[in-house]
């Protein structure tokens, strides 16, 4: 086996430069270093494969054929190098995108919290409108009790001569609505 000294030196320089550049903090430099190390590994496999010869598919003399395993390893290394390069490029893009957002960052939870706060505010407005509806119903019930409304079950004198039970009725106090008043408000 005779390896070219030029290929060995080139492989060593590529490994050295790749490892040196990968030690930086920048993702772009890590990508460049990874590409250098990947290509140096391909050169290493190529150098270790031995001398040139015929392809292993040719029938006949087996003395001049080349071992196909290093060629397959090089193809596998190229595919793995491509996949990891694509992943690092995605990391670089995501890092750039997040750095351009500034203080907001990648805060999806803040958006969800804002939506939840808006729902709570809307619910508060809805409940406030229900309370005003309750007050309106109470005032109508109080007016009906004071004026002797003929639709009122208590009769015109307010004595409770109607059909319902006056024991739970608090029409005169106005502090708490009776059970009947709550049912009407519902």
Protein backbone atom coordinates (compact mmCIF):
# COMPACT_ATOMS: atom_id res chain seq x y z
CA UNK A 1 0.00 0.00 0.00
CA UNK A 2 1.37 3.37 -0.98
CA UNK A 3 -0.42 6.43 0.38
CA UNK A 4 0.32 9.81 -1.05
CA UNK A 5 2.03 12.02 1.50
CA UNK A 6 0.08 14.98 0.14
CA UNK A 7 -3.25 13.35 1.02
CA UNK A 8 -2.04 12.46 4.51
CA UNK A 9 -0.86 16.04 5.19
CA UNK A 10 -4.08 17.46 3.74
CA UNK A 11 -6.13 15.13 5.96
CA UNK A 12 -4.15 16.12 9.08
CA UNK A 13 -4.50 19.84 8.31
CA UNK A 14 -8.24 19.45 7.75
CA UNK A 15 -8.67 17.58 11.06
CA UNK A 16 -6.63 20.18 12.93
CA UNK A 17 -8.40 23.16 11.40
CA UNK A 18 -11.81 21.54 11.84
CA UNK A 19 -11.31 20.78 15.53
CA UNK A 20 -9.85 24.25 16.15
CA UNK A 21 -12.77 26.00 14.45
CA UNK A 22 -15.36 23.78 16.17
CA UNK A 23 -14.12 24.98 19.58
CA UNK A 24 -15.55 28.47 18.90
CA UNK A 25 -18.91 29.57 20.29
CA UNK A 26 -20.39 30.63 16.97
CA UNK A 27 -22.69 28.08 15.36
CA UNK A 28 -21.47 29.09 11.91
CA UNK A 29 -17.90 28.26 12.88
CA UNK A 30 -19.05 24.98 14.38
CA UNK A 31 -20.69 24.16 11.05
CA UNK A 32 -17.51 24.98 9.11
CA UNK A 33 -15.45 22.90 11.52
CA UNK A 34 -17.83 19.98 11.21
CA UNK A 35 -17.64 20.13 7.42
CA UNK A 36 -13.83 20.12 7.58
CA UNK A 37 -13.77 17.13 9.96
CA UNK A 38 -16.30 15.25 7.79
CA UNK A 39 -14.24 15.74 4.65
CA UNK A 40 -11.05 14.80 6.51
CA UNK A 41 -12.76 11.57 7.59
CA UNK A 42 -13.67 10.84 3.97
CA UNK A 43 -10.01 11.35 3.02
CA UNK A 44 -8.94 9.03 5.84
CA UNK A 45 -11.25 6.28 4.59
CA UNK A 46 -10.01 6.86 1.04
CA UNK A 47 -6.36 6.64 2.10
CA UNK A 48 -7.00 3.48 4.16
CA UNK A 49 -8.81 1.74 1.30
CA UNK A 50 -5.56 0.73 -0.40
CA UNK A 51 -4.35 0.85 -3.93
CA UNK A 52 -6.51 1.37 -6.99
CA UNK A 53 -7.79 -1.54 -9.03
CA UNK A 54 -10.72 -2.97 -10.92
CA UNK A 55 -14.26 -2.72 -9.62
CA UNK A 56 -15.41 -5.75 -7.64
CA UNK A 57 -18.30 -6.35 -10.03
CA UNK A 58 -16.02 -7.54 -12.89
CA UNK A 59 -15.68 -11.30 -13.12
CA UNK A 60 -12.34 -12.84 -13.74
CA UNK A 61 -9.02 -12.10 -12.08
CA UNK A 62 -9.58 -11.31 -8.37
CA UNK A 63 -6.04 -10.02 -7.79
CA UNK A 64 -6.70 -6.50 -9.13
CA UNK A 65 -10.12 -5.85 -7.53
CA UNK A 66 -10.69 -3.19 -4.91
CA UNK A 67 -12.35 -3.78 -1.54
CA UNK A 68 -15.89 -2.25 -1.74
CA UNK A 69 -16.31 -1.73 2.03
CA UNK A 70 -14.32 1.57 2.23
CA UNK A 71 -16.35 2.96 -0.68
CA UNK A 72 -19.58 2.12 1.14
CA UNK A 73 -18.21 3.69 4.33
CA UNK A 74 -17.39 6.88 2.43
CA UNK A 75 -20.92 7.05 1.00
CA UNK A 76 -22.35 6.52 4.48
CA UNK A 77 -20.09 9.24 5.91
CA UNK A 78 -21.20 11.65 3.20
CA UNK A 79 -24.88 11.02 3.98
CA UNK A 80 -24.34 11.42 7.74
CA UNK A 81 -22.31 14.58 7.13
CA UNK A 82 -25.14 15.98 5.00
CA UNK A 83 -27.79 15.19 7.65
CA UNK A 84 -25.85 16.75 10.52
CA UNK A 85 -25.04 19.79 8.35
CA UNK A 86 -28.76 20.27 7.66
CA UNK A 87 -29.48 20.01 11.41
CA UNK A 88 -26.79 22.57 12.29
CA UNK A 89 -28.11 24.90 9.59
CA UNK A 90 -31.59 24.61 11.16
CA UNK A 91 -30.06 25.48 14.56
CA UNK A 92 -28.28 28.48 13.05
CA UNK A 93 -31.51 29.73 11.47
CA UNK A 94 -33.47 29.25 14.71
CA UNK A 95 -30.78 31.04 16.70
CA UNK A 96 -30.78 33.95 14.25
CA UNK A 97 -34.59 34.12 14.36
CA UNK A 98 -34.66 34.16 18.17
CA UNK A 99 -31.93 36.79 18.38
CA UNK A 100 -33.93 39.09 16.08
CA UNK A 101 -36.98 38.85 18.35
CA UNK A 102 -35.15 40.65 21.15
CA UNK A 103 -36.65 40.51 24.63
CA UNK A 104 -39.73 38.61 23.47
CA UNK A 105 -37.71 35.50 22.65
CA UNK A 106 -39.57 32.31 22.01
CA UNK A 107 -42.21 32.94 24.64
CA UNK A 108 -45.27 31.09 23.45
CA UNK A 109 -46.58 30.94 27.02
CA UNK A 110 -46.93 34.73 27.09
CA UNK A 111 -49.31 34.56 24.15
CA UNK A 112 -51.34 31.87 25.89
CA UNK A 113 -51.40 33.94 29.09
CA UNK A 114 -52.62 36.97 27.14
CA UNK A 115 -55.41 34.89 25.59
CA UNK A 116 -56.36 33.57 29.02
CA UNK A 117 -56.37 37.10 30.47
CA UNK A 118 -58.64 38.27 27.64
CA UNK A 119 -61.03 35.39 28.34
CA UNK A 120 -61.08 36.30 32.04
CA UNK A 121 -61.80 39.94 31.20
CA UNK A 122 -64.62 38.92 28.87
CA UNK A 123 -66.03 36.63 31.58
CA UNK A 124 -65.87 39.53 34.06
CA UNK A 125 -67.84 41.75 31.68
CA UNK A 126 -70.37 38.96 31.22
CA UNK A 127 -70.73 38.43 34.98
CA UNK A 128 -71.01 42.18 35.53
CA UNK A 129 -73.86 42.30 33.03
CA UNK A 130 -75.52 39.42 34.88
CA UNK A 131 -75.24 41.34 38.15
CA UNK A 132 -76.91 44.36 36.58
CA UNK A 133 -79.64 42.05 35.29
CA UNK A 134 -80.08 40.71 38.81
CA UNK A 135 -80.37 44.24 40.17
CA UNK A 136 -83.00 45.08 37.55
CA UNK A 137 -85.03 41.99 38.45
CA UNK A 138 -84.78 42.82 42.16
CA UNK A 139 -85.98 46.37 41.55
CA UNK A 140 -88.94 45.11 39.50
CA UNK A 141 -89.82 42.60 42.21
CA UNK A 142 -89.55 45.30 44.89
CA UNK A 143 -91.76 47.65 42.86
CA UNK A 144 -94.33 44.88 42.39
CA UNK A 145 -94.35 44.21 46.12
CA UNK A 146 -94.72 47.91 47.02
CA UNK A 147 -97.48 48.80 44.54
CA UNK A 148 -99.67 45.80 45.03
CA UNK A 149 -99.19 44.51 41.49
CA UNK A 150 -102.13 42.30 40.47
CA UNK A 151 -99.69 39.83 38.91
CA UNK A 152 -98.05 39.43 42.27
CA UNK A 153 -99.04 36.25 44.12
CA UNK A 154 -99.27 38.02 47.47
CA UNK A 155 -102.46 39.89 46.71
CA UNK A 156 -103.21 43.60 46.79
CA UNK A 157 -102.67 44.10 50.49
CA UNK A 158 -99.31 42.32 50.51
CA UNK A 159 -100.55 40.02 53.26
CA UNK A 160 -99.69 36.84 51.50
CA UNK A 161 -103.14 35.73 50.52
CA UNK A 162 -101.72 34.29 47.27
CA UNK A 163 -100.70 30.72 46.53
CA UNK A 164 -97.05 30.85 47.48
CA UNK A 165 -95.48 30.53 50.91
CA UNK A 166 -94.40 33.84 52.51
CA UNK A 167 -92.09 32.31 55.06
CA UNK A 168 -89.07 32.56 52.73
CA UNK A 169 -90.04 35.88 51.18
CA UNK A 170 -88.00 39.00 52.00
CA UNK A 171 -89.59 41.56 49.74
CA UNK A 172 -89.67 44.30 52.30
CA UNK A 173 -86.05 44.18 53.56
CA UNK A 174 -84.12 44.25 50.26
CA UNK A 175 -80.99 42.77 51.90
CA UNK A 176 -81.04 39.28 50.46
CA UNK A 177 -83.42 38.02 47.80
CA UNK A 178 -85.64 35.14 48.84
CA UNK A 179 -85.42 31.69 47.35
CA UNK A 180 -88.40 32.54 45.11
CA UNK A 181 -86.69 35.74 43.92
CA UNK A 182 -83.52 33.80 43.10
CA UNK A 183 -85.54 31.33 41.05
CA UNK A 184 -87.15 34.20 39.16
CA UNK A 185 -83.75 35.78 38.51
CA UNK A 186 -82.42 32.53 37.12
